[in-house]
């Protein structure tokens, strides 16, 4: 599977630090970008988005899509960061996604 070489910032308030980032304000917007352009090589997640929306929906979609593609959706050089004001949310993103990536690495 080919991967798009882009970086994704998921954040409902902040602008990207440079034009090398594509910005999604909601989880559904981020998921649409994943579906249209594939998995970016880097994602910066803000856990708390608008209203009841969180970036965990994107984390779950990444994992599901990678499992459905037999580990070929998320690139090998994938990097991610969790930022924002919710420490528990940041930790949840980090632990969920890093645990999956660690498990995937042992299968390959």
PDB file of N, CA and C in Angstrom:
ATOM      1  N   UNK A   1       0.846  -1.183   0.000  1.00  0.00           N
ATOM      2  CA  UNK A   1       0.000   0.000   0.000  1.00  0.00           C
ATOM      3  C   UNK A   1       0.885   1.238   0.000  1.00  0.00           C
ATOM      4  N   UNK A   2       0.599   2.181  -0.864  1.00  0.00           N
ATOM      5  CA  UNK A   2       1.379   3.409  -0.885  1.00  0.00           C
ATOM      6  C   UNK A   2       0.834   4.381   0.152  1.00  0.00           C
ATOM      7  N   UNK A   3       1.712   5.173   0.683  1.00  0.00           N
ATOM      8  CA  UNK A   3       1.338   6.123   1.715  1.00  0.00           C
ATOM      9  C   UNK A   3       1.561   7.540   1.221  1.00  0.00           C
ATOM     10  N   UNK A   4       0.643   8.394   1.576  1.00  0.00           N
ATOM     11  CA  UNK A   4       0.814   9.807   1.272  1.00  0.00           C
ATOM     12  C   UNK A   4       1.828  10.383   2.244  1.00  0.00           C
ATOM     13  N   UNK A   5       2.642  11.263   1.771  1.00  0.00           N
ATOM     14  CA  UNK A   5       3.642  11.884   2.623  1.00  0.00           C
ATOM     15  C   UNK A   5       3.105  13.214   3.107  1.00  0.00           C
ATOM     16  N   UNK A   6       2.268  13.163   4.117  1.00  0.00           N
ATOM     17  CA  UNK A   6       1.748  14.382   4.707  1.00  0.00           C
ATOM     18  C   UNK A   6       1.725  14.233   6.220  1.00  0.00           C
ATOM     19  N   UNK A   7       1.564  15.354   6.885  1.00  0.00           N
ATOM     20  CA  UNK A   7       1.493  15.395   8.341  1.00  0.00           C
ATOM     21  C   UNK A   7       0.103  15.919   8.698  1.00  0.00           C
ATOM     22  N   UNK A   8      -0.497  15.342   9.723  1.00  0.00           N
ATOM     23  CA  UNK A   8      -1.864  15.689  10.101  1.00  0.00           C
ATOM     24  C   UNK A   8      -1.902  16.241  11.520  1.00  0.00           C
ATOM     25  N   UNK A   9      -2.449  17.428  11.664  1.00  0.00           N
ATOM     26  CA  UNK A   9      -2.694  18.043  12.968  1.00  0.00           C
ATOM     27  C   UNK A   9      -4.188  17.956  13.225  1.00  0.00           C
ATOM     28  N   UNK A  10      -4.558  17.281  14.316  1.00  0.00           N
ATOM     29  CA  UNK A  10      -5.964  17.192  14.704  1.00  0.00           C
ATOM     30  C   UNK A  10      -6.134  18.081  15.928  1.00  0.00           C
ATOM     31  N   UNK A  11      -6.780  19.222  15.736  1.00  0.00           N
ATOM     32  CA  UNK A  11      -6.895  20.217  16.803  1.00  0.00           C
ATOM     33  C   UNK A  11      -8.032  21.167  16.452  1.00  0.00           C
ATOM     34  N   UNK A  12      -8.935  21.395  17.399  1.00  0.00           N
ATOM     35  CA  UNK A  12     -10.086  22.244  17.121  1.00  0.00           C
ATOM     36  C   UNK A  12      -9.801  23.738  17.288  1.00  0.00           C
ATOM     37  N   UNK A  13      -8.651  24.088  17.870  1.00  0.00           N
ATOM     38  CA  UNK A  13      -8.384  25.495  18.144  1.00  0.00           C
ATOM     39  C   UNK A  13      -7.125  26.042  17.489  1.00  0.00           C
ATOM     40  N   UNK A  14      -6.060  25.296  17.525  1.00  0.00           N
ATOM     41  CA  UNK A  14      -4.752  25.812  17.145  1.00  0.00           C
ATOM     42  C   UNK A  14      -4.454  25.632  15.657  1.00  0.00           C
ATOM     43  N   UNK A  15      -3.653  26.557  15.158  1.00  0.00           N
ATOM     44  CA  UNK A  15      -3.192  26.492  13.779  1.00  0.00           C
ATOM     45  C   UNK A  15      -1.906  25.675  13.718  1.00  0.00           C
ATOM     46  N   UNK A  16      -1.587  25.179  12.564  1.00  0.00           N
ATOM     47  CA  UNK A  16      -0.349  24.437  12.366  1.00  0.00           C
ATOM     48  C   UNK A  16       0.838  25.400  12.422  1.00  0.00           C
ATOM     49  N   UNK A  17       1.964  24.902  12.915  1.00  0.00           N
ATOM     50  CA  UNK A  17       3.167  25.712  13.018  1.00  0.00           C
ATOM     51  C   UNK A  17       3.773  26.015  11.650  1.00  0.00           C
ATOM     52  N   UNK A  18       3.484  25.165  10.672  1.00  0.00           N
ATOM     53  CA  UNK A  18       3.998  25.402   9.322  1.00  0.00           C
ATOM     54  C   UNK A  18       3.015  24.855   8.298  1.00  0.00           C
ATOM     55  N   UNK A  19       3.257  25.176   7.052  1.00  0.00           N
ATOM     56  CA  UNK A  19       2.351  24.744   5.979  1.00  0.00           C
ATOM     57  C   UNK A  19       2.544  23.278   5.621  1.00  0.00           C
ATOM     58  N   UNK A  20       3.459  22.591   6.289  1.00  0.00           N
ATOM     59  CA  UNK A  20       3.658  21.168   6.004  1.00  0.00           C
ATOM     60  C   UNK A  20       2.612  20.302   6.692  1.00  0.00           C
ATOM     61  N   UNK A  21       1.753  20.910   7.496  1.00  0.00           N
ATOM     62  CA  UNK A  21       0.713  20.179   8.213  1.00  0.00           C
ATOM     63  C   UNK A  21      -0.644  20.406   7.557  1.00  0.00           C
ATOM     64  N   UNK A  22      -1.448  19.348   7.476  1.00  0.00           N
ATOM     65  CA  UNK A  22      -2.856  19.445   7.092  1.00  0.00           C
ATOM     66  C   UNK A  22      -3.633  19.455   8.406  1.00  0.00           C
ATOM     67  N   UNK A  23      -4.594  20.369   8.549  1.00  0.00           N
ATOM     68  CA  UNK A  23      -5.328  20.529   9.805  1.00  0.00           C
ATOM     69  C   UNK A  23      -6.730  19.951   9.684  1.00  0.00           C
ATOM     70  N   UNK A  24      -7.117  19.161  10.685  1.00  0.00           N
ATOM     71  CA  UNK A  24      -8.492  18.677  10.816  1.00  0.00           C
ATOM     72  C   UNK A  24      -9.022  19.193  12.154  1.00  0.00           C
ATOM     73  N   UNK A  25     -10.216  19.745  12.140  1.00  0.00           N
ATOM     74  CA  UNK A  25     -10.809  20.322  13.357  1.00  0.00           C
ATOM     75  C   UNK A  25     -11.676  19.331  14.130  1.00  0.00           C
ATOM     76  N   UNK A  26     -12.120  18.269  13.470  1.00  0.00           N
ATOM     77  CA  UNK A  26     -12.980  17.262  14.103  1.00  0.00           C
ATOM     78  C   UNK A  26     -12.453  15.867  13.791  1.00  0.00           C
ATOM     79  N   UNK A  27     -12.917  14.895  14.544  1.00  0.00           N
ATOM     80  CA  UNK A  27     -12.495  13.522  14.262  1.00  0.00           C
ATOM     81  C   UNK A  27     -13.044  13.059  12.919  1.00  0.00           C
ATOM     82  N   UNK A  28     -14.252  13.456  12.564  1.00  0.00           N
ATOM     83  CA  UNK A  28     -14.813  13.030  11.282  1.00  0.00           C
ATOM     84  C   UNK A  28     -14.044  13.655  10.116  1.00  0.00           C
ATOM     85  N   UNK A  29     -13.583  14.879  10.274  1.00  0.00           N
ATOM     86  CA  UNK A  29     -12.763  15.514   9.241  1.00  0.00           C
ATOM     87  C   UNK A  29     -11.431  14.766   9.100  1.00  0.00           C
ATOM     88  N   UNK A  30     -10.833  14.384  10.211  1.00  0.00           N
ATOM     89  CA  UNK A  30      -9.571  13.635  10.181  1.00  0.00           C
ATOM     90  C   UNK A  30      -9.767  12.266   9.532  1.00  0.00           C
ATOM     91  N   UNK A  31     -10.848  11.588   9.875  1.00  0.00           N
ATOM     92  CA  UNK A  31     -11.124  10.267   9.296  1.00  0.00           C
ATOM     93  C   UNK A  31     -11.347  10.385   7.789  1.00  0.00           C
ATOM     94  N   UNK A  32     -12.025  11.432   7.355  1.00  0.00           N
ATOM     95  CA  UNK A  32     -12.219  11.660   5.912  1.00  0.00           C
ATOM     96  C   UNK A  32     -10.877  11.835   5.210  1.00  0.00           C
ATOM     97  N   UNK A  33      -9.950  12.557   5.842  1.00  0.00           N
ATOM     98  CA  UNK A  33      -8.616  12.732   5.253  1.00  0.00           C
ATOM     99  C   UNK A  33      -7.889  11.395   5.156  1.00  0.00           C
ATOM    100  N   UNK A  34      -8.005  10.561   6.189  1.00  0.00           N
ATOM    101  CA  UNK A  34      -7.389   9.233   6.156  1.00  0.00           C
ATOM    102  C   UNK A  34      -7.955   8.408   5.003  1.00  0.00           C
ATOM    103  N   UNK A  35      -9.262   8.474   4.830  1.00  0.00           N
ATOM    104  CA  UNK A  35      -9.913   7.695   3.779  1.00  0.00           C
ATOM    105  C   UNK A  35      -9.544   8.203   2.384  1.00  0.00           C
ATOM    106  N   UNK A  36      -9.384   9.515   2.237  1.00  0.00           N
ATOM    107  CA  UNK A  36      -9.064  10.098   0.932  1.00  0.00           C
ATOM    108  C   UNK A  36      -7.589   9.997   0.573  1.00  0.00           C
ATOM    109  N   UNK A  37      -6.715  10.209   1.558  1.00  0.00           N
ATOM    110  CA  UNK A  37      -5.287  10.362   1.275  1.00  0.00           C
ATOM    111  C   UNK A  37      -4.406   9.290   1.891  1.00  0.00           C
ATOM    112  N   UNK A  38      -4.989   8.352   2.612  1.00  0.00           N
ATOM    113  CA  UNK A  38      -4.182   7.342   3.287  1.00  0.00           C
ATOM    114  C   UNK A  38      -3.653   7.859   4.610  1.00  0.00           C
ATOM    115  N   UNK A  39      -2.821   7.063   5.214  1.00  0.00           N
ATOM    116  CA  UNK A  39      -2.285   7.414   6.523  1.00  0.00           C
ATOM    117  C   UNK A  39      -1.099   8.365   6.370  1.00  0.00           C
ATOM    118  N   UNK A  40      -1.091   9.457   7.121  1.00  0.00           N
ATOM    119  CA  UNK A  40       0.073  10.333   7.091  1.00  0.00           C
ATOM    120  C   UNK A  40       1.257   9.668   7.798  1.00  0.00           C
ATOM    121  N   UNK A  41       2.427  10.212   7.613  1.00  0.00           N
ATOM    122  CA  UNK A  41       3.574   9.652   8.319  1.00  0.00           C
ATOM    123  C   UNK A  41       3.710  10.235   9.718  1.00  0.00           C
ATOM    124  N   UNK A  42       2.938  11.301  10.013  1.00  0.00           N
ATOM    125  CA  UNK A  42       2.995  11.914  11.332  1.00  0.00           C
ATOM    126  C   UNK A  42       1.634  12.507  11.671  1.00  0.00           C
ATOM    127  N   UNK A  43       1.194  12.291  12.921  1.00  0.00           N
ATOM    128  CA  UNK A  43      -0.058  12.883  13.403  1.00  0.00           C
ATOM    129  C   UNK A  43       0.193  13.507  14.762  1.00  0.00           C
ATOM    130  N   UNK A  44      -0.332  14.707  14.951  1.00  0.00           N
ATOM    131  CA  UNK A  44      -0.349  15.354  16.258  1.00  0.00           C
ATOM    132  C   UNK A  44      -1.813  15.430  16.687  1.00  0.00           C
ATOM    133  N   UNK A  45      -2.130  14.740  17.774  1.00  0.00           N
ATOM    134  CA  UNK A  45      -3.507  14.611  18.261  1.00  0.00           C
ATOM    135  C   UNK A  45      -3.779  15.565  19.420  1.00  0.00           C
ATOM    136  N   UNK A  46      -4.837  16.338  19.334  1.00  0.00           N
ATOM    137  CA  UNK A  46      -5.420  17.014  20.493  1.00  0.00           C
ATOM    138  C   UNK A  46      -6.592  16.124  20.906  1.00  0.00           C
ATOM    139  N   UNK A  47      -6.602  15.649  22.134  1.00  0.00           N
ATOM    140  CA  UNK A  47      -7.643  14.707  22.546  1.00  0.00           C
ATOM    141  C   UNK A  47      -9.030  15.338  22.494  1.00  0.00           C
ATOM    142  N   UNK A  48      -9.212  16.467  23.161  1.00  0.00           N
ATOM    143  CA  UNK A  48     -10.533  17.093  23.271  1.00  0.00           C
ATOM    144  C   UNK A  48     -10.777  18.015  22.087  1.00  0.00           C
ATOM    145  N   UNK A  49     -11.784  17.657  21.288  1.00  0.00           N
ATOM    146  CA  UNK A  49     -12.153  18.467  20.141  1.00  0.00           C
ATOM    147  C   UNK A  49     -13.459  19.184  20.464  1.00  0.00           C
ATOM    148  N   UNK A  50     -14.292  19.442  19.522  1.00  0.00           N
ATOM    149  CA  UNK A  50     -15.539  20.179  19.772  1.00  0.00           C
ATOM    150  C   UNK A  50     -16.581  19.306  20.454  1.00  0.00           C
ATOM    151  N   UNK A  51     -17.322  19.922  21.361  1.00  0.00           N
ATOM    152  CA  UNK A  51     -18.435  19.256  22.070  1.00  0.00           C
ATOM    153  C   UNK A  51     -17.974  17.919  22.650  1.00  0.00           C
ATOM    154  N   UNK A  52     -18.631  16.825  22.276  1.00  0.00           N
ATOM    155  CA  UNK A  52     -18.279  15.504  22.806  1.00  0.00           C
ATOM    156  C   UNK A  52     -17.275  14.769  21.926  1.00  0.00           C
ATOM    157  N   UNK A  53     -16.742  15.425  20.933  1.00  0.00           N
ATOM    158  CA  UNK A  53     -15.822  14.811  19.982  1.00  0.00           C
ATOM    159  C   UNK A  53     -14.427  14.684  20.593  1.00  0.00           C
ATOM    160  N   UNK A  54     -13.798  13.532  20.386  1.00  0.00           N
ATOM    161  CA  UNK A  54     -12.403  13.349  20.805  1.00  0.00           C
ATOM    162  C   UNK A  54     -11.614  12.685  19.680  1.00  0.00           C
ATOM    163  N   UNK A  55     -10.313  12.821  19.754  1.00  0.00           N
ATOM    164  CA  UNK A  55      -9.448  12.220  18.746  1.00  0.00           C
ATOM    165  C   UNK A  55      -9.343  10.708  18.907  1.00  0.00           C
ATOM    166  N   UNK A  56      -9.900  10.136  19.956  1.00  0.00           N
ATOM    167  CA  UNK A  56      -9.877   8.674  20.115  1.00  0.00           C
ATOM    168  C   UNK A  56     -10.602   7.990  18.964  1.00  0.00           C
ATOM    169  N   UNK A  57     -11.585   8.647  18.372  1.00  0.00           N
ATOM    170  CA  UNK A  57     -12.269   8.070  17.200  1.00  0.00           C
ATOM    171  C   UNK A  57     -11.284   7.877  16.052  1.00  0.00           C
ATOM    172  N   UNK A  58     -10.331   8.784  15.921  1.00  0.00           N
ATOM    173  CA  UNK A  58      -9.322   8.684  14.863  1.00  0.00           C
ATOM    174  C   UNK A  58      -8.338   7.556  15.184  1.00  0.00           C
ATOM    175  N   UNK A  59      -7.948   7.461  16.450  1.00  0.00           N
ATOM    176  CA  UNK A  59      -7.050   6.382  16.880  1.00  0.00           C
ATOM    177  C   UNK A  59      -7.685   5.027  16.566  1.00  0.00           C
ATOM    178  N   UNK A  60      -8.947   4.875  16.919  1.00  0.00           N
ATOM    179  CA  UNK A  60      -9.652   3.612  16.656  1.00  0.00           C
ATOM    180  C   UNK A  60      -9.734   3.328  15.159  1.00  0.00           C
ATOM    181  N   UNK A  61      -9.999   4.356  14.347  1.00  0.00           N
ATOM    182  CA  UNK A  61     -10.072   4.181  12.894  1.00  0.00           C
ATOM    183  C   UNK A  61      -8.715   3.780  12.325  1.00  0.00           C
ATOM    184  N   UNK A  62      -7.641   4.405  12.810  1.00  0.00           N
ATOM    185  CA  UNK A  62      -6.293   4.036  12.356  1.00  0.00           C
ATOM    186  C   UNK A  62      -6.015   2.560  12.618  1.00  0.00           C
ATOM    187  N   UNK A  63      -6.317   2.122  13.834  1.00  0.00           N
ATOM    188  CA  UNK A  63      -6.044   0.734  14.218  1.00  0.00           C
ATOM    189  C   UNK A  63      -6.910  -0.225  13.402  1.00  0.00           C
ATOM    190  N   UNK A  64      -8.198   0.063  13.299  1.00  0.00           N
ATOM    191  CA  UNK A  64      -9.100  -0.804  12.525  1.00  0.00           C
ATOM    192  C   UNK A  64      -8.649  -0.920  11.071  1.00  0.00           C
ATOM    193  N   UNK A  65      -8.297   0.205  10.467  1.00  0.00           N
ATOM    194  CA  UNK A  65      -7.893   0.197   9.062  1.00  0.00           C
ATOM    195  C   UNK A  65      -6.581  -0.553   8.883  1.00  0.00           C
ATOM    196  N   UNK A  66      -5.664  -0.382   9.825  1.00  0.00           N
ATOM    197  CA  UNK A  66      -4.395  -1.099   9.740  1.00  0.00           C
ATOM    198  C   UNK A  66      -4.616  -2.601   9.899  1.00  0.00           C
ATOM    199  N   UNK A  67      -5.480  -2.998  10.815  1.00  0.00           N
ATOM    200  CA  UNK A  67      -5.789  -4.422  10.980  1.00  0.00           C
ATOM    201  C   UNK A  67      -6.438  -4.988   9.720  1.00  0.00           C
ATOM    202  N   UNK A  68      -7.366  -4.233   9.131  1.00  0.00           N
ATOM    203  CA  UNK A  68      -8.056  -4.683   7.920  1.00  0.00           C
ATOM    204  C   UNK A  68      -7.116  -4.812   6.727  1.00  0.00           C
ATOM    205  N   UNK A  69      -6.009  -4.065   6.739  1.00  0.00           N
ATOM    206  CA  UNK A  69      -5.057  -4.118   5.618  1.00  0.00           C
ATOM    207  C   UNK A  69      -3.845  -4.985   5.948  1.00  0.00           C
ATOM    208  N   UNK A  70      -3.978  -5.807   6.965  1.00  0.00           N
ATOM    209  CA  UNK A  70      -2.892  -6.699   7.383  1.00  0.00           C
ATOM    210  C   UNK A  70      -1.617  -5.923   7.715  1.00  0.00           C
ATOM    211  N   UNK A  71      -1.798  -4.789   8.405  1.00  0.00           N
ATOM    212  CA  UNK A  71      -0.660  -4.008   8.872  1.00  0.00           C
ATOM    213  C   UNK A  71       0.016  -3.150   7.831  1.00  0.00           C
ATOM    214  N   UNK A  72      -0.690  -2.834   6.752  1.00  0.00           N
ATOM    215  CA  UNK A  72      -0.073  -2.049   5.680  1.00  0.00           C
ATOM    216  C   UNK A  72      -0.600  -0.615   5.582  1.00  0.00           C
ATOM    217  N   UNK A  73      -1.508  -0.217   6.463  1.00  0.00           N
ATOM    218  CA  UNK A  73      -2.055   1.143   6.379  1.00  0.00           C
ATOM    219  C   UNK A  73      -1.148   2.157   7.076  1.00  0.00           C
ATOM    220  N   UNK A  74      -0.749   1.870   8.289  1.00  0.00           N
ATOM    221  CA  UNK A  74       0.124   2.777   9.043  1.00  0.00           C
ATOM    222  C   UNK A  74       1.560   2.542   8.579  1.00  0.00           C
ATOM    223  N   UNK A  75       2.242   3.598   8.100  1.00  0.00           N
ATOM    224  CA  UNK A  75       3.603   3.405   7.589  1.00  0.00           C
ATOM    225  C   UNK A  75       4.592   2.997   8.684  1.00  0.00           C
ATOM    226  N   UNK A  76       5.657   2.343   8.261  1.00  0.00           N
ATOM    227  CA  UNK A  76       6.683   1.892   9.207  1.00  0.00           C
ATOM    228  C   UNK A  76       7.337   3.055   9.935  1.00  0.00           C
ATOM    229  N   UNK A  77       7.482   4.212   9.266  1.00  0.00           N
ATOM    230  CA  UNK A  77       8.140   5.368   9.895  1.00  0.00           C
ATOM    231  C   UNK A  77       7.141   6.307  10.576  1.00  0.00           C
ATOM    232  N   UNK A  78       5.955   5.811  10.895  1.00  0.00           N
ATOM    233  CA  UNK A  78       4.888   6.605  11.507  1.00  0.00           C
ATOM    234  C   UNK A  78       5.320   7.173  12.854  1.00  0.00           C
ATOM    235  N   UNK A  79       5.011   8.453  13.054  1.00  0.00           N
ATOM    236  CA  UNK A  79       5.251   9.122  14.334  1.00  0.00           C
ATOM    237  C   UNK A  79       3.951   9.779  14.776  1.00  0.00           C
ATOM    238  N   UNK A  80       3.761   9.846  16.084  1.00  0.00           N
ATOM    239  CA  UNK A  80       2.584  10.558  16.576  1.00  0.00           C
ATOM    240  C   UNK A  80       2.888  11.223  17.903  1.00  0.00           C
ATOM    241  N   UNK A  81       2.103  12.240  18.193  1.00  0.00           N
ATOM    242  CA  UNK A  81       2.218  12.998  19.428  1.00  0.00           C
ATOM    243  C   UNK A  81       0.811  13.291  19.913  1.00  0.00           C
ATOM    244  N   UNK A  82       0.655  13.374  21.208  1.00  0.00           N
ATOM    245  CA  UNK A  82      -0.614  13.808  21.797  1.00  0.00           C
ATOM    246  C   UNK A  82      -0.337  15.110  22.534  1.00  0.00           C
ATOM    247  N   UNK A  83      -1.159  16.100  22.291  1.00  0.00           N
ATOM    248  CA  UNK A  83      -0.994  17.391  22.940  1.00  0.00           C
ATOM    249  C   UNK A  83      -2.353  17.852  23.468  1.00  0.00           C
ATOM    250  N   UNK A  84      -2.362  18.924  24.204  1.00  0.00           N
ATOM    251  CA  UNK A  84      -3.612  19.481  24.693  1.00  0.00           C
ATOM    252  C   UNK A  84      -3.645  19.569  26.205  1.00  0.00           C
ATOM    253  N   UNK A  85      -4.766  20.013  26.717  1.00  0.00           N
ATOM    254  CA  UNK A  85      -4.894  20.302  28.141  1.00  0.00           C
ATOM    255  C   UNK A  85      -5.437  19.137  28.966  1.00  0.00           C
ATOM    256  N   UNK A  86      -5.741  18.021  28.344  1.00  0.00           N
ATOM    257  CA  UNK A  86      -6.327  16.880  29.052  1.00  0.00           C
ATOM    258  C   UNK A  86      -5.260  15.795  29.224  1.00  0.00           C
ATOM    259  N   UNK A  87      -4.605  15.728  30.400  1.00  0.00           N
ATOM    260  CA  UNK A  87      -3.533  14.748  30.592  1.00  0.00           C
ATOM    261  C   UNK A  87      -4.006  13.302  30.449  1.00  0.00           C
ATOM    262  N   UNK A  88      -5.184  12.995  30.955  1.00  0.00           N
ATOM    263  CA  UNK A  88      -5.704  11.624  30.848  1.00  0.00           C
ATOM    264  C   UNK A  88      -6.014  11.280  29.400  1.00  0.00           C
ATOM    265  N   UNK A  89      -6.542  12.226  28.651  1.00  0.00           N
ATOM    266  CA  UNK A  89      -6.830  12.008  27.241  1.00  0.00           C
ATOM    267  C   UNK A  89      -5.564  11.799  26.433  1.00  0.00           C
ATOM    268  N   UNK A  90      -4.541  12.625  26.705  1.00  0.00           N
ATOM    269  CA  UNK A  90      -3.255  12.465  26.011  1.00  0.00           C
ATOM    270  C   UNK A  90      -2.664  11.091  26.297  1.00  0.00           C
ATOM    271  N   UNK A  91      -2.718  10.674  27.552  1.00  0.00           N
ATOM    272  CA  UNK A  91      -2.173   9.370  27.923  1.00  0.00           C
ATOM    273  C   UNK A  91      -2.956   8.237  27.265  1.00  0.00           C
ATOM    274  N   UNK A  92      -4.271   8.379  27.193  1.00  0.00           N
ATOM    275  CA  UNK A  92      -5.110   7.364  26.560  1.00  0.00           C
ATOM    276  C   UNK A  92      -4.746   7.196  25.083  1.00  0.00           C
ATOM    277  N   UNK A  93      -4.570   8.303  24.377  1.00  0.00           N
ATOM    278  CA  UNK A  93      -4.152   8.241  22.967  1.00  0.00           C
ATOM    279  C   UNK A  93      -2.807   7.544  22.865  1.00  0.00           C
ATOM    280  N   UNK A  94      -1.854   8.003  23.656  1.00  0.00           N
ATOM    281  CA  UNK A  94      -0.504   7.449  23.579  1.00  0.00           C
ATOM    282  C   UNK A  94      -0.484   5.958  23.883  1.00  0.00           C
ATOM    283  N   UNK A  95      -1.117   5.559  24.985  1.00  0.00           N
ATOM    284  CA  UNK A  95      -1.090   4.151  25.382  1.00  0.00           C
ATOM    285  C   UNK A  95      -1.809   3.257  24.376  1.00  0.00           C
ATOM    286  N   UNK A  96      -2.947   3.693  23.885  1.00  0.00           N
ATOM    287  CA  UNK A  96      -3.715   2.878  22.939  1.00  0.00           C
ATOM    288  C   UNK A  96      -2.949   2.672  21.639  1.00  0.00           C
ATOM    289  N   UNK A  97      -2.479   3.755  21.060  1.00  0.00           N
ATOM    290  CA  UNK A  97      -1.814   3.661  19.765  1.00  0.00           C
ATOM    291  C   UNK A  97      -0.431   3.009  19.899  1.00  0.00           C
ATOM    292  N   UNK A  98       0.327   3.365  20.935  1.00  0.00           N
ATOM    293  CA  UNK A  98       1.655   2.779  21.090  1.00  0.00           C
ATOM    294  C   UNK A  98       1.562   1.290  21.395  1.00  0.00           C
ATOM    295  N   UNK A  99       0.584   0.880  22.183  1.00  0.00           N
ATOM    296  CA  UNK A  99       0.396  -0.549  22.461  1.00  0.00           C
ATOM    297  C   UNK A  99       0.098  -1.313  21.188  1.00  0.00           C
ATOM    298  N   UNK A 100      -0.764  -0.748  20.335  1.00  0.00           N
ATOM    299  CA  UNK A 100      -1.066  -1.406  19.068  1.00  0.00           C
ATOM    300  C   UNK A 100       0.187  -1.501  18.201  1.00  0.00           C
ATOM    301  N   UNK A 101       0.923  -0.407  18.072  1.00  0.00           N
ATOM    302  CA  UNK A 101       2.120  -0.409  17.225  1.00  0.00           C
ATOM    303  C   UNK A 101       3.175  -1.395  17.750  1.00  0.00           C
ATOM    304  N   UNK A 102       3.311  -1.476  19.063  1.00  0.00           N
ATOM    305  CA  UNK A 102       4.253  -2.445  19.651  1.00  0.00           C
ATOM    306  C   UNK A 102       3.837  -3.869  19.329  1.00  0.00           C
ATOM    307  N   UNK A 103       2.543  -4.132  19.449  1.00  0.00           N
ATOM    308  CA  UNK A 103       2.022  -5.478  19.149  1.00  0.00           C
ATOM    309  C   UNK A 103       2.224  -5.790  17.658  1.00  0.00           C
ATOM    310  N   UNK A 104       1.951  -4.823  16.808  1.00  0.00           N
ATOM    311  CA  UNK A 104       2.130  -5.011  15.363  1.00  0.00           C
ATOM    312  C   UNK A 104       3.583  -5.307  15.022  1.00  0.00           C
ATOM    313  N   UNK A 105       4.503  -4.646  15.692  1.00  0.00           N
ATOM    314  CA  UNK A 105       5.942  -4.851  15.430  1.00  0.00           C
ATOM    315  C   UNK A 105       6.372  -6.279  15.764  1.00  0.00           C
ATOM    316  N   UNK A 106       5.734  -6.885  16.746  1.00  0.00           N
ATOM    317  CA  UNK A 106       6.113  -8.264  17.110  1.00  0.00           C
ATOM    318  C   UNK A 106       5.553  -9.271  16.104  1.00  0.00           C
ATOM    319  N   UNK A 107       4.526  -8.894  15.342  1.00  0.00           N
ATOM    320  CA  UNK A 107       3.944  -9.788  14.345  1.00  0.00           C
ATOM    321  C   UNK A 107       4.716  -9.770  13.043  1.00  0.00           C
ATOM    322  N   UNK A 108       5.443  -8.690  12.764  1.00  0.00           N
ATOM    323  CA  UNK A 108       6.149  -8.555  11.480  1.00  0.00           C
ATOM    324  C   UNK A 108       7.534  -9.127  11.549  1.00  0.00           C
TER     325      UNK A 108
END
